[in-house]
Every structure is written in C-alpha cells, then in structure tokens.
Amino acid sequence: MGSTRQIELKSPADLERMRRAGQLAAQVLDAVGRAVVPGVTTKELDRLAEKFIRDAGGVPTFLGYRGYTASICASINEEVVHGIPHPKRVLREGDIVGIDVGATLGGFVGDTAATFPVGRISLEAEKLLQTTRDALTEGIAATRAGNRLGDISGAMQRVAESRGYAVVRDFVGHGIGRNMHEEPSVPNYGTAGTGPRLDVGLVVALEPMVNAGTWRVQVLKDGWTVVTEDNRLSAHFEHTVAVTEGGPEILTCLPNS
C-alpha cells in the first residue's frame, strides 16, 4: 500500500453498502465471541465464521488474502494479530483471544475485531482489555471532519500510555472500502494536529493493538502470527468508522450495543 495512492472518499450509496457489510462483520464477530469458551478450538471458531458469512451471501475477506488460509484471525495471549486458526489450538480457562473478522458483501468490506476472555481471566488481562477498548473509543471520537489523522492516532496512544501500556507500531489501521486495505494508513500512535485532514466520506478501520509490556513485536515462522517480543499479553479491538456530517459513524456496531 504505497503512500502515493489517493484517499478515496465514499459516496452516500457507497456508505449504504458499507453499512450492510459492516453489519455482517459485526454479527459474525458477535456469534464467534459467544462461542469462545474453554475447550473450543480456534478452527471451530473459524468454521463458524465462514459458514455465517457465506450463509448471509458474503465472502470471507481474509480467506486467500496473500495466501492466508482461514476466514478469521484468532490470536491468543501474547499473540498480537494474525493468529492462524488450527484444529489443535484449544482455548483454555484464563486465556484471552483476539478475533478479527473481515466480510465482503455487495462489493464492500466490513472489518472488525475484539479480544474476548476465555472463562475467568486475571485482573491484569481485564485491565488490558478495558484500556484497549477505551483507546478505540477515543480514536473513534476523534474521527471527525476537519480533524487530522494524527488526532485519531494521538488519542489512542494517549489512552494506552497514560495507563502504563504500549501501542504496537509495526502494524496499523487503514482506509477501507472496496478493498480491505486502502489509504490512509492509521497508526496507533501519533501527534494531534498532524497528517491528512479528515473529510466527509472517509472510511477507516481503527484497530489499536495494546501490549502489557514492550511495543516491540516479531512475526513467527508461519509468516503471519505476530507476537509480543517479551511474550506478555496483547489485546486488539477494531471498528470500521465513517466520517459523516453528523460525526463518526461506527459501521461495525450492532444495534443497541
């Protein structure tokens, strides 16, 4: 994704299609989250997600993307993002698991993620999850016409670092639309008042990745799974958000949630 590519603003008709794709992704994430219990395998969660997406007339966006072999990402504990579901990866009491869902419907993509507790989790893990949720909430609040991209990034960074956590720097959020990854890149760290101006019609996937220890990460030998360098916990939450005249609109939020 080169920096020379232009930022594409979505038309009202585009946004309506993106709402439908976003709602499908949100429904899938909700269904998978309800299935997160001790003893389930990440491959079982992946099969559930793929069936849900296809039954709704959609296509799993991740499946086949750059050779990726699953419909969701399932990242456990120190895994930050891009964990590959596997029939032998069993969730255990006390784990946390980040589930990332992409669904293409009507030519547009919805992208959303959340980190779920597996049974009862530690207070440390609960605090990490809440901080990452709060970072996403503050990033969304800054996604307003007239603001700068750095206002989003800086807001997410401030929440995490003010509580003693670190934001991942090597992986970022992104523009989204007909393609999963479009301009602009949306780092989880930055300086308020800098970067491109946010205009009505911009749609971005905001996805803070917050680590309990260092921000540094590494990619495992499978070429996909990203883990914290110090093997401490990481959490990941994501929403697809549109800049509208009335403020930020979360396209991947279920009604009444």
C-alpha atoms as a PDB file:
ATOM      1  CA  MET A   1       0.000   0.000   0.000  1.00  0.00           C
ATOM      2  CA  GLY A   2       2.031   2.928  -1.265  1.00  0.00           C
ATOM      3  CA  SER A   3       1.783   6.424   0.121  1.00  0.00           C
ATOM      4  CA  THR A   4       1.281   7.839  -3.387  1.00  0.00           C
ATOM      5  CA  ARG A   5      -2.201   6.331  -3.645  1.00  0.00           C
ATOM      6  CA  GLN A   6      -5.035   8.768  -3.135  1.00  0.00           C
ATOM      7  CA  ILE A   7      -7.545   8.661  -0.311  1.00  0.00           C
ATOM      8  CA  GLU A   8     -10.927   7.683  -1.761  1.00  0.00           C
ATOM      9  CA  LEU A   9     -13.999   9.313  -0.242  1.00  0.00           C
ATOM     10  CA  LYS A  10     -17.159   7.219  -0.276  1.00  0.00           C
ATOM     11  CA  SER A  11     -20.458   8.413  -1.759  1.00  0.00           C
ATOM     12  CA  PRO A  12     -23.747   8.085   0.147  1.00  0.00           C
ATOM     13  CA  ALA A  13     -24.524   4.997  -1.970  1.00  0.00           C
ATOM     14  CA  ASP A  14     -21.130   3.511  -1.141  1.00  0.00           C
ATOM     15  CA  LEU A  15     -21.718   4.151   2.561  1.00  0.00           C
ATOM     16  CA  GLU A  16     -25.048   2.364   2.467  1.00  0.00           C
ATOM     17  CA  ARG A  17     -23.365  -0.725   1.032  1.00  0.00           C
ATOM     18  CA  MET A  18     -20.599  -0.421   3.600  1.00  0.00           C
ATOM     19  CA  ARG A  19     -23.185  -0.343   6.389  1.00  0.00           C
ATOM     20  CA  ARG A  20     -24.505  -3.702   5.207  1.00  0.00           C
ATOM     21  CA  ALA A  21     -21.019  -5.218   5.007  1.00  0.00           C
ATOM     22  CA  GLY A  22     -20.181  -3.761   8.399  1.00  0.00           C
ATOM     23  CA  GLN A  23     -23.296  -5.176   9.988  1.00  0.00           C
ATOM     24  CA  LEU A  24     -22.486  -8.630   8.642  1.00  0.00           C
ATOM     25  CA  ALA A  25     -18.955  -8.460  10.062  1.00  0.00           C
ATOM     26  CA  ALA A  26     -20.365  -7.303  13.407  1.00  0.00           C
ATOM     27  CA  GLN A  27     -22.880 -10.159  13.509  1.00  0.00           C
ATOM     28  CA  VAL A  28     -20.139 -12.690  12.754  1.00  0.00           C
ATOM     29  CA  LEU A  29     -17.887 -11.294  15.479  1.00  0.00           C
ATOM     30  CA  ASP A  30     -20.763 -11.432  17.950  1.00  0.00           C
ATOM     31  CA  ALA A  31     -21.540 -15.058  17.052  1.00  0.00           C
ATOM     32  CA  VAL A  32     -17.904 -16.112  17.303  1.00  0.00           C
ATOM     33  CA  GLY A  33     -17.493 -14.252  20.588  1.00  0.00           C
ATOM     34  CA  ARG A  34     -20.430 -16.154  22.082  1.00  0.00           C
ATOM     35  CA  ALA A  35     -18.715 -19.401  21.086  1.00  0.00           C
ATOM     36  CA  VAL A  36     -15.473 -18.508  22.897  1.00  0.00           C
ATOM     37  CA  VAL A  37     -15.398 -20.953  25.822  1.00  0.00           C
ATOM     38  CA  PRO A  38     -12.754 -23.190  27.380  1.00  0.00           C
ATOM     39  CA  GLY A  39     -12.235 -26.292  25.232  1.00  0.00           C
ATOM     40  CA  VAL A  40     -13.195 -24.842  21.852  1.00  0.00           C
ATOM     41  CA  THR A  41     -10.561 -24.831  19.118  1.00  0.00           C
ATOM     42  CA  THR A  42      -9.749 -21.811  17.030  1.00  0.00           C
ATOM     43  CA  LYS A  43     -10.516 -23.862  13.910  1.00  0.00           C
ATOM     44  CA  GLU A  44     -14.048 -24.495  15.187  1.00  0.00           C
ATOM     45  CA  LEU A  45     -14.474 -20.726  15.573  1.00  0.00           C
ATOM     46  CA  ASP A  46     -13.150 -20.238  12.053  1.00  0.00           C
ATOM     47  CA  ARG A  47     -15.646 -22.726  10.590  1.00  0.00           C
ATOM     48  CA  LEU A  48     -18.485 -20.971  12.421  1.00  0.00           C
ATOM     49  CA  ALA A  49     -17.437 -17.611  10.979  1.00  0.00           C
ATOM     50  CA  GLU A  50     -17.080 -18.872   7.415  1.00  0.00           C
ATOM     51  CA  LYS A  51     -20.499 -20.535   7.453  1.00  0.00           C
ATOM     52  CA  PHE A  52     -22.141 -17.407   8.886  1.00  0.00           C
ATOM     53  CA  ILE A  53     -20.591 -15.167   6.234  1.00  0.00           C
ATOM     54  CA  ARG A  54     -21.441 -17.452   3.314  1.00  0.00           C
ATOM     55  CA  ASP A  55     -24.982 -18.137   4.541  1.00  0.00           C
ATOM     56  CA  ALA A  56     -25.533 -14.364   4.501  1.00  0.00           C
ATOM     57  CA  GLY A  57     -24.385 -14.126   0.879  1.00  0.00           C
ATOM     58  CA  GLY A  58     -20.963 -12.718   1.734  1.00  0.00           C
ATOM     59  CA  VAL A  59     -17.384 -13.788   1.168  1.00  0.00           C
ATOM     60  CA  PRO A  60     -14.747 -14.193   3.916  1.00  0.00           C
ATOM     61  CA  THR A  61     -12.372 -11.339   3.071  1.00  0.00           C
ATOM     62  CA  PHE A  62      -9.326 -12.847   4.748  1.00  0.00           C
ATOM     63  CA  LEU A  63      -9.549 -16.291   3.137  1.00  0.00           C
ATOM     64  CA  GLY A  64      -6.928 -16.436   0.387  1.00  0.00           C
ATOM     65  CA  TYR A  65      -5.686 -12.885   1.035  1.00  0.00           C
ATOM     66  CA  ARG A  66      -1.951 -13.013   0.276  1.00  0.00           C
ATOM     67  CA  GLY A  67      -2.216 -16.765   0.823  1.00  0.00           C
ATOM     68  CA  TYR A  68      -3.915 -16.600   4.229  1.00  0.00           C
ATOM     69  CA  THR A  69      -5.684 -19.916   4.892  1.00  0.00           C
ATOM     70  CA  ALA A  70      -8.599 -19.007   7.190  1.00  0.00           C
ATOM     71  CA  SER A  71     -11.667 -16.779   7.441  1.00  0.00           C
ATOM     72  CA  ILE A  72     -10.769 -15.155  10.768  1.00  0.00           C
ATOM     73  CA  CYS A  73      -7.629 -14.386  12.738  1.00  0.00           C
ATOM     74  CA  ALA A  74      -7.517 -15.872  16.241  1.00  0.00           C
ATOM     75  CA  SER A  75      -4.667 -14.532  18.366  1.00  0.00           C
ATOM     76  CA  ILE A  76      -4.157 -15.958  21.862  1.00  0.00           C
ATOM     77  CA  ASN A  77      -2.489 -14.217  24.825  1.00  0.00           C
ATOM     78  CA  GLU A  78       0.907 -12.892  23.637  1.00  0.00           C
ATOM     79  CA  GLU A  79      -0.206 -13.159  20.002  1.00  0.00           C
ATOM     80  CA  VAL A  80      -0.982  -9.629  18.818  1.00  0.00           C
ATOM     81  CA  VAL A  81      -2.717 -10.200  15.457  1.00  0.00           C
ATOM     82  CA  HIS A  82      -2.920 -12.609  12.512  1.00  0.00           C
ATOM     83  CA  GLY A  83      -3.008 -15.839  14.511  1.00  0.00           C
ATOM     84  CA  ILE A  84      -3.997 -18.672  12.168  1.00  0.00           C
ATOM     85  CA  PRO A  85      -6.865 -20.899  13.378  1.00  0.00           C
ATOM     86  CA  HIS A  86      -5.831 -24.508  13.885  1.00  0.00           C
ATOM     87  CA  PRO A  87      -7.713 -27.658  14.970  1.00  0.00           C
ATOM     88  CA  LYS A  88      -5.166 -28.250  17.753  1.00  0.00           C
ATOM     89  CA  ARG A  89      -5.240 -24.720  19.205  1.00  0.00           C
ATOM     90  CA  VAL A  90      -7.562 -25.218  22.169  1.00  0.00           C
ATOM     91  CA  LEU A  91      -8.727 -22.232  24.219  1.00  0.00           C
ATOM     92  CA  ARG A  92      -8.136 -22.657  27.950  1.00  0.00           C
ATOM     93  CA  GLU A  93      -9.615 -21.031  31.031  1.00  0.00           C
ATOM     94  CA  GLY A  94      -7.859 -17.723  31.651  1.00  0.00           C
ATOM     95  CA  ASP A  95      -6.745 -17.131  28.049  1.00  0.00           C
ATOM     96  CA  ILE A  96      -7.647 -14.057  26.073  1.00  0.00           C
ATOM     97  CA  VAL A  97      -8.236 -14.403  22.343  1.00  0.00           C
ATOM     98  CA  GLY A  98      -8.365 -11.664  19.730  1.00  0.00           C
ATOM     99  CA  ILE A  99     -10.832 -12.433  16.943  1.00  0.00           C
ATOM    100  CA  ASP A 100     -10.534 -10.411  13.723  1.00  0.00           C
ATOM    101  CA  VAL A 101     -13.298 -10.706  11.117  1.00  0.00           C
ATOM    102  CA  GLY A 102     -13.472  -9.437   7.545  1.00  0.00           C
ATOM    103  CA  ALA A 103     -16.616  -9.855   5.445  1.00  0.00           C
ATOM    104  CA  THR A 104     -17.152  -8.728   1.867  1.00  0.00           C
ATOM    105  CA  LEU A 105     -20.766  -8.092   0.879  1.00  0.00           C
ATOM    106  CA  GLY A 106     -22.063  -6.242  -2.174  1.00  0.00           C
ATOM    107  CA  GLY A 107     -18.543  -5.344  -3.243  1.00  0.00           C
ATOM    108  CA  PHE A 108     -17.523  -3.654   0.018  1.00  0.00           C
ATOM    109  CA  VAL A 109     -15.634  -4.832   3.100  1.00  0.00           C
ATOM    110  CA  GLY A 110     -16.526  -4.737   6.788  1.00  0.00           C
ATOM    111  CA  ASP A 111     -13.627  -5.254   9.193  1.00  0.00           C
ATOM    112  CA  THR A 112     -13.915  -5.590  12.968  1.00  0.00           C
ATOM    113  CA  ALA A 113     -12.158  -7.246  15.890  1.00  0.00           C
ATOM    114  CA  ALA A 114     -12.411  -7.765  19.630  1.00  0.00           C
ATOM    115  CA  THR A 115     -10.437  -9.582  22.289  1.00  0.00           C
ATOM    116  CA  PHE A 116     -12.540 -11.977  24.354  1.00  0.00           C
ATOM    117  CA  PRO A 117     -11.934 -13.521  27.769  1.00  0.00           C
ATOM    118  CA  VAL A 118     -11.940 -17.305  27.901  1.00  0.00           C
ATOM    119  CA  GLY A 119     -13.803 -18.051  31.113  1.00  0.00           C
ATOM    120  CA  ARG A 120     -12.421 -16.148  34.093  1.00  0.00           C
ATOM    121  CA  ILE A 121      -9.322 -14.088  33.385  1.00  0.00           C
ATOM    122  CA  SER A 122      -6.796 -12.261  35.532  1.00  0.00           C
ATOM    123  CA  LEU A 123      -7.264  -8.685  36.703  1.00  0.00           C
ATOM    124  CA  GLU A 124      -4.204  -7.794  34.628  1.00  0.00           C
ATOM    125  CA  ALA A 125      -5.881  -9.133  31.493  1.00  0.00           C
ATOM    126  CA  GLU A 126      -9.174  -7.383  32.303  1.00  0.00           C
ATOM    127  CA  LYS A 127      -7.400  -4.039  32.663  1.00  0.00           C
ATOM    128  CA  LEU A 128      -5.581  -4.549  29.355  1.00  0.00           C
ATOM    129  CA  LEU A 129      -8.831  -5.333  27.533  1.00  0.00           C
ATOM    130  CA  GLN A 130     -10.590  -2.306  29.020  1.00  0.00           C
ATOM    131  CA  THR A 131      -7.719   0.008  28.142  1.00  0.00           C
ATOM    132  CA  THR A 132      -7.703  -1.194  24.541  1.00  0.00           C
ATOM    133  CA  ARG A 133     -11.475  -0.698  24.280  1.00  0.00           C
ATOM    134  CA  ASP A 134     -11.078   2.800  25.686  1.00  0.00           C
ATOM    135  CA  ALA A 135      -8.284   3.594  23.231  1.00  0.00           C
ATOM    136  CA  LEU A 136     -10.569   2.599  20.354  1.00  0.00           C
ATOM    137  CA  THR A 137     -13.421   4.689  21.779  1.00  0.00           C
ATOM    138  CA  GLU A 138     -11.203   7.779  21.964  1.00  0.00           C
ATOM    139  CA  GLY A 139      -9.900   7.160  18.444  1.00  0.00           C
ATOM    140  CA  ILE A 140     -13.443   6.941  17.132  1.00  0.00           C
ATOM    141  CA  ALA A 141     -14.402  10.191  18.914  1.00  0.00           C
ATOM    142  CA  ALA A 142     -11.581  11.957  17.045  1.00  0.00           C
ATOM    143  CA  THR A 143     -12.745  10.660  13.642  1.00  0.00           C
ATOM    144  CA  ARG A 144     -14.499  13.906  12.731  1.00  0.00           C
ATOM    145  CA  ALA A 145     -14.497  16.092   9.652  1.00  0.00           C
ATOM    146  CA  GLY A 146     -11.892  18.831   9.951  1.00  0.00           C
ATOM    147  CA  ASN A 147      -9.682  16.882  12.336  1.00  0.00           C
ATOM    148  CA  ARG A 148      -6.329  15.469  11.279  1.00  0.00           C
ATOM    149  CA  LEU A 149      -5.293  11.835  11.106  1.00  0.00           C
ATOM    150  CA  GLY A 150      -2.861  12.468  13.948  1.00  0.00           C
ATOM    151  CA  ASP A 151      -5.793  13.381  16.192  1.00  0.00           C
ATOM    152  CA  ILE A 152      -7.020   9.780  15.921  1.00  0.00           C
ATOM    153  CA  SER A 153      -3.597   8.222  16.364  1.00  0.00           C
ATOM    154  CA  GLY A 154      -2.619  10.513  19.217  1.00  0.00           C
ATOM    155  CA  ALA A 155      -5.868   9.866  21.081  1.00  0.00           C
ATOM    156  CA  MET A 156      -5.359   6.098  21.017  1.00  0.00           C
ATOM    157  CA  GLN A 157      -1.730   6.390  22.080  1.00  0.00           C
ATOM    158  CA  ARG A 158      -2.562   8.723  24.985  1.00  0.00           C
ATOM    159  CA  VAL A 159      -5.104   6.336  26.482  1.00  0.00           C
ATOM    160  CA  ALA A 160      -2.769   3.338  26.368  1.00  0.00           C
ATOM    161  CA  GLU A 161       0.401   5.043  27.544  1.00  0.00           C
ATOM    162  CA  SER A 162      -1.333   7.003  30.316  1.00  0.00           C
ATOM    163  CA  ARG A 163      -2.146   3.643  31.905  1.00  0.00           C
ATOM    164  CA  GLY A 164       1.312   2.169  31.543  1.00  0.00           C
ATOM    165  CA  TYR A 165       0.745   0.160  28.356  1.00  0.00           C
ATOM    166  CA  ALA A 166       2.407   0.319  24.944  1.00  0.00           C
ATOM    167  CA  VAL A 167       0.871   0.610  21.476  1.00  0.00           C
ATOM    168  CA  VAL A 168       2.157  -1.556  18.642  1.00  0.00           C
ATOM    169  CA  ARG A 169       3.911   0.499  15.979  1.00  0.00           C
ATOM    170  CA  ASP A 170       4.676  -2.062  13.272  1.00  0.00           C
ATOM    171  CA  PHE A 171       1.027  -2.766  12.412  1.00  0.00           C
ATOM    172  CA  VAL A 172      -1.607  -0.099  11.839  1.00  0.00           C
ATOM    173  CA  GLY A 173      -5.205   0.642  10.944  1.00  0.00           C
ATOM    174  CA  HIS A 174      -6.166   1.572   7.411  1.00  0.00           C
ATOM    175  CA  GLY A 175      -8.642   3.026   4.988  1.00  0.00           C
ATOM    176  CA  ILE A 176     -11.259   0.561   3.804  1.00  0.00           C
ATOM    177  CA  GLY A 177     -13.914   0.243   1.116  1.00  0.00           C
ATOM    178  CA  ARG A 178     -13.980  -1.957  -1.958  1.00  0.00           C
ATOM    179  CA  ASN A 179     -10.626  -3.257  -0.743  1.00  0.00           C
ATOM    180  CA  MET A 180      -9.705  -4.282   2.774  1.00  0.00           C
ATOM    181  CA  HIS A 181      -6.590  -2.100   2.789  1.00  0.00           C
ATOM    182  CA  GLU A 182      -6.856   1.367   1.288  1.00  0.00           C
ATOM    183  CA  GLU A 183      -5.285   4.743   2.043  1.00  0.00           C
ATOM    184  CA  PRO A 184      -4.672   6.204   4.528  1.00  0.00           C
ATOM    185  CA  SER A 185      -2.663   4.127   6.975  1.00  0.00           C
ATOM    186  CA  VAL A 186      -3.827   4.882  10.539  1.00  0.00           C
ATOM    187  CA  PRO A 187      -1.046   4.352  13.095  1.00  0.00           C
ATOM    188  CA  ASN A 188      -1.940   3.681  16.720  1.00  0.00           C
ATOM    189  CA  TYR A 189       0.490   6.418  17.766  1.00  0.00           C
ATOM    190  CA  GLY A 190       0.977   9.970  16.544  1.00  0.00           C
ATOM    191  CA  THR A 191       0.770  13.690  17.157  1.00  0.00           C
ATOM    192  CA  ALA A 192      -2.514  15.595  17.274  1.00  0.00           C
ATOM    193  CA  GLY A 193      -2.916  18.220  14.572  1.00  0.00           C
ATOM    194  CA  THR A 194      -0.702  16.453  12.044  1.00  0.00           C
ATOM    195  CA  GLY A 195      -1.380  14.340   8.969  1.00  0.00           C
ATOM    196  CA  PRO A 196      -4.102  14.426   6.309  1.00  0.00           C
ATOM    197  CA  ARG A 197      -7.333  16.274   7.038  1.00  0.00           C
ATOM    198  CA  LEU A 198     -10.388  14.087   7.641  1.00  0.00           C
ATOM    199  CA  ASP A 199     -13.163  14.743   5.133  1.00  0.00           C
ATOM    200  CA  VAL A 200     -16.772  13.549   4.965  1.00  0.00           C
ATOM    201  CA  GLY A 201     -16.850  10.216   3.136  1.00  0.00           C
ATOM    202  CA  LEU A 202     -13.593   8.897   4.542  1.00  0.00           C
ATOM    203  CA  VAL A 203     -13.927   5.377   5.964  1.00  0.00           C
ATOM    204  CA  VAL A 204     -11.197   3.903   8.146  1.00  0.00           C
ATOM    205  CA  ALA A 205     -10.629   0.738  10.141  1.00  0.00           C
ATOM    206  CA  LEU A 206      -9.292   1.801  13.528  1.00  0.00           C
ATOM    207  CA  GLU A 207      -7.562  -1.018  15.379  1.00  0.00           C
ATOM    208  CA  PRO A 208      -5.485  -0.276  18.460  1.00  0.00           C
ATOM    209  CA  MET A 209      -3.168  -3.131  19.436  1.00  0.00           C
ATOM    210  CA  VAL A 210      -2.057  -2.606  23.029  1.00  0.00           C
ATOM    211  CA  ASN A 211       0.666  -4.570  24.808  1.00  0.00           C
ATOM    212  CA  ALA A 212       1.156  -5.107  28.526  1.00  0.00           C
ATOM    213  CA  GLY A 213       4.923  -4.721  28.098  1.00  0.00           C
ATOM    214  CA  THR A 214       7.071  -3.513  25.224  1.00  0.00           C
ATOM    215  CA  TRP A 215       5.550  -2.227  21.980  1.00  0.00           C
ATOM    216  CA  ARG A 216       8.031  -4.340  20.035  1.00  0.00           C
ATOM    217  CA  VAL A 217       6.747  -7.401  18.187  1.00  0.00           C
ATOM    218  CA  GLN A 218       8.015 -10.182  15.962  1.00  0.00           C
ATOM    219  CA  VAL A 219       6.478 -12.435  13.319  1.00  0.00           C
ATOM    220  CA  LEU A 220       6.608 -16.208  13.837  1.00  0.00           C
ATOM    221  CA  LYS A 221       7.940 -18.692  11.283  1.00  0.00           C
ATOM    222  CA  ASP A 222       4.446 -19.238   9.837  1.00  0.00           C
ATOM    223  CA  GLY A 223       4.848 -15.789   8.265  1.00  0.00           C
ATOM    224  CA  TRP A 224       1.641 -14.460   9.812  1.00  0.00           C
ATOM    225  CA  THR A 225       1.354 -14.698  13.586  1.00  0.00           C
ATOM    226  CA  VAL A 226       2.601 -11.542  15.309  1.00  0.00           C
ATOM    227  CA  VAL A 227       3.678 -11.914  18.954  1.00  0.00           C
ATOM    228  CA  THR A 228       4.953  -9.537  21.612  1.00  0.00           C
ATOM    229  CA  GLU A 229       8.728  -9.557  21.852  1.00  0.00           C
ATOM    230  CA  ASP A 230       8.604 -10.081  25.634  1.00  0.00           C
ATOM    231  CA  ASN A 231       5.781 -12.681  25.492  1.00  0.00           C
ATOM    232  CA  ARG A 232       3.470 -10.513  27.608  1.00  0.00           C
ATOM    233  CA  LEU A 233      -0.231 -10.137  26.841  1.00  0.00           C
ATOM    234  CA  SER A 234      -1.638  -8.121  23.944  1.00  0.00           C
ATOM    235  CA  ALA A 235      -5.189  -7.016  23.122  1.00  0.00           C
ATOM    236  CA  HIS A 236      -6.788  -5.851  19.861  1.00  0.00           C
ATOM    237  CA  PHE A 237     -10.097  -4.122  19.140  1.00  0.00           C
ATOM    238  CA  GLU A 238     -11.276  -2.748  15.797  1.00  0.00           C
ATOM    239  CA  HIS A 239     -14.201  -0.930  14.208  1.00  0.00           C
ATOM    240  CA  THR A 240     -14.882   0.328  10.694  1.00  0.00           C
ATOM    241  CA  VAL A 241     -15.750   4.020  11.065  1.00  0.00           C
ATOM    242  CA  ALA A 242     -17.089   6.598   8.590  1.00  0.00           C
ATOM    243  CA  VAL A 243     -16.616  10.353   8.755  1.00  0.00           C
ATOM    244  CA  THR A 244     -20.087  11.857   8.280  1.00  0.00           C
ATOM    245  CA  GLU A 245     -21.629  15.324   8.535  1.00  0.00           C
ATOM    246  CA  GLY A 246     -23.026  14.324  11.924  1.00  0.00           C
ATOM    247  CA  GLY A 247     -19.754  12.939  13.290  1.00  0.00           C
ATOM    248  CA  PRO A 248     -18.186   9.478  13.369  1.00  0.00           C
ATOM    249  CA  GLU A 249     -20.450   6.558  12.410  1.00  0.00           C
ATOM    250  CA  ILE A 250     -19.408   3.074  13.517  1.00  0.00           C
ATOM    251  CA  LEU A 251     -20.332   0.754  10.643  1.00  0.00           C
ATOM    252  CA  THR A 252     -19.470  -2.422  12.573  1.00  0.00           C
ATOM    253  CA  CYS A 253     -21.531  -1.752  15.694  1.00  0.00           C
ATOM    254  CA  LEU A 254     -24.597  -3.906  16.290  1.00  0.00           C
ATOM    255  CA  PRO A 255     -27.855  -2.034  17.045  1.00  0.00           C
ATOM    256  CA  ASN A 256     -28.332  -1.358  20.759  1.00  0.00           C
ATOM    257  CA  SER A 257     -24.773  -2.413  21.586  1.00  0.00           C
END
